Amino acid sequence: MWDAVKVFSATKQKDRDELGDKVTHWLDSQGGNIEVVDKEVRQSSDSEYHCLSIILFYRRK
């Protein structure tokens, strides 16, 4: 069971390329006080924009 959600998203190519690093940095900044229990990666787009989202479901230790 999870008790919190963290969403990371980006639409610009450069930001999408760096999204994994942002997730890693955020996880490191939590100091081991959370446990990720599920994750989803979603991509959506229209004629002009492409959005990548990483969704973490976690619980606090």
C-alpha atoms as a PDB file:
ATOM      1  CA  MET A   1       0.000   0.000   0.000  1.00  0.00           C
ATOM      2  CA  TRP A   2       1.247   3.495  -0.789  1.00  0.00           C
ATOM      3  CA  ASP A   3       0.524   6.746   1.033  1.00  0.00           C
ATOM      4  CA  ALA A   4       2.004   9.330  -1.334  1.00  0.00           C
ATOM      5  CA  VAL A   5       2.584  10.008  -5.030  1.00  0.00           C
ATOM      6  CA  LYS A   6       5.319  11.980  -6.776  1.00  0.00           C
ATOM      7  CA  VAL A   7       4.913  12.986 -10.427  1.00  0.00           C
ATOM      8  CA  PHE A   8       7.737  14.055 -12.714  1.00  0.00           C
ATOM      9  CA  SER A   9       6.859  15.312 -16.185  1.00  0.00           C
ATOM     10  CA  ALA A  10       8.476  17.102 -19.087  1.00  0.00           C
ATOM     11  CA  THR A  11       7.445  18.256 -22.539  1.00  0.00           C
ATOM     12  CA  LYS A  12      10.662  19.699 -23.993  1.00  0.00           C
ATOM     13  CA  GLN A  13      13.203  17.270 -25.479  1.00  0.00           C
ATOM     14  CA  LYS A  14      16.057  18.420 -23.238  1.00  0.00           C
ATOM     15  CA  ASP A  15      13.859  18.143 -20.137  1.00  0.00           C
ATOM     16  CA  ARG A  16      12.667  14.671 -21.180  1.00  0.00           C
ATOM     17  CA  ASP A  17      16.290  13.591 -21.618  1.00  0.00           C
ATOM     18  CA  GLU A  18      17.060  14.728 -18.051  1.00  0.00           C
ATOM     19  CA  LEU A  19      13.924  13.345 -16.404  1.00  0.00           C
ATOM     20  CA  GLY A  20      15.584  10.151 -15.147  1.00  0.00           C
ATOM     21  CA  ASP A  21      18.307  12.199 -13.471  1.00  0.00           C
ATOM     22  CA  LYS A  22      15.650  14.327 -11.751  1.00  0.00           C
ATOM     23  CA  VAL A  23      13.958  11.195 -10.405  1.00  0.00           C
ATOM     24  CA  THR A  24      17.278   9.804  -9.165  1.00  0.00           C
ATOM     25  CA  HIS A  25      18.182  13.103  -7.498  1.00  0.00           C
ATOM     26  CA  TRP A  26      14.801  13.294  -5.757  1.00  0.00           C
ATOM     27  CA  LEU A  27      15.074   9.694  -4.536  1.00  0.00           C
ATOM     28  CA  ASP A  28      18.574  10.366  -3.172  1.00  0.00           C
ATOM     29  CA  SER A  29      17.332  13.524  -1.433  1.00  0.00           C
ATOM     30  CA  GLN A  30      14.775  11.477   0.522  1.00  0.00           C
ATOM     31  CA  GLY A  31      17.596   9.920   2.536  1.00  0.00           C
ATOM     32  CA  GLY A  32      16.184   6.406   2.463  1.00  0.00           C
ATOM     33  CA  ASN A  33      13.016   7.499   4.264  1.00  0.00           C
ATOM     34  CA  ILE A  34      10.675   6.225   1.548  1.00  0.00           C
ATOM     35  CA  GLU A  35       9.998   2.945  -0.214  1.00  0.00           C
ATOM     36  CA  VAL A  36       8.780   3.052  -3.814  1.00  0.00           C
ATOM     37  CA  VAL A  37       6.022   0.442  -4.082  1.00  0.00           C
ATOM     38  CA  ASP A  38       4.874   1.042  -7.670  1.00  0.00           C
ATOM     39  CA  LYS A  39       5.692   3.171 -10.707  1.00  0.00           C
ATOM     40  CA  GLU A  40       4.156   4.164 -14.012  1.00  0.00           C
ATOM     41  CA  VAL A  41       5.666   5.738 -17.102  1.00  0.00           C
ATOM     42  CA  ARG A  42       3.256   7.513 -19.426  1.00  0.00           C
ATOM     43  CA  GLN A  43       3.685   9.286 -22.714  1.00  0.00           C
ATOM     44  CA  SER A  44       1.103  11.507 -24.332  1.00  0.00           C
ATOM     45  CA  SER A  45       1.238  13.764 -27.334  1.00  0.00           C
ATOM     46  CA  ASP A  46      -0.701  15.961 -29.671  1.00  0.00           C
ATOM     47  CA  SER A  47       0.305  17.577 -32.938  1.00  0.00           C
ATOM     48  CA  GLU A  48       2.874  19.845 -31.257  1.00  0.00           C
ATOM     49  CA  TYR A  49       3.881  18.492 -27.857  1.00  0.00           C
ATOM     50  CA  HIS A  50       5.092  15.215 -26.411  1.00  0.00           C
ATOM     51  CA  CYS A  51       4.818  14.771 -22.660  1.00  0.00           C
ATOM     52  CA  LEU A  52       6.674  12.122 -20.679  1.00  0.00           C
ATOM     53  CA  SER A  53       5.564  11.446 -17.104  1.00  0.00           C
ATOM     54  CA  ILE A  54       7.104   9.228 -14.447  1.00  0.00           C
ATOM     55  CA  ILE A  55       4.800   8.560 -11.518  1.00  0.00           C
ATOM     56  CA  LEU A  56       6.127   7.080  -8.273  1.00  0.00           C
ATOM     57  CA  PHE A  57       3.833   5.596  -5.647  1.00  0.00           C
ATOM     58  CA  TYR A  58       5.608   5.354  -2.317  1.00  0.00           C
ATOM     59  CA  ARG A  59       5.220   5.011   1.401  1.00  0.00           C
ATOM     60  CA  ARG A  60       7.150   6.682   4.143  1.00  0.00           C
ATOM     61  CA  LYS A  61       9.238   4.461   6.388  1.00  0.00           C
END
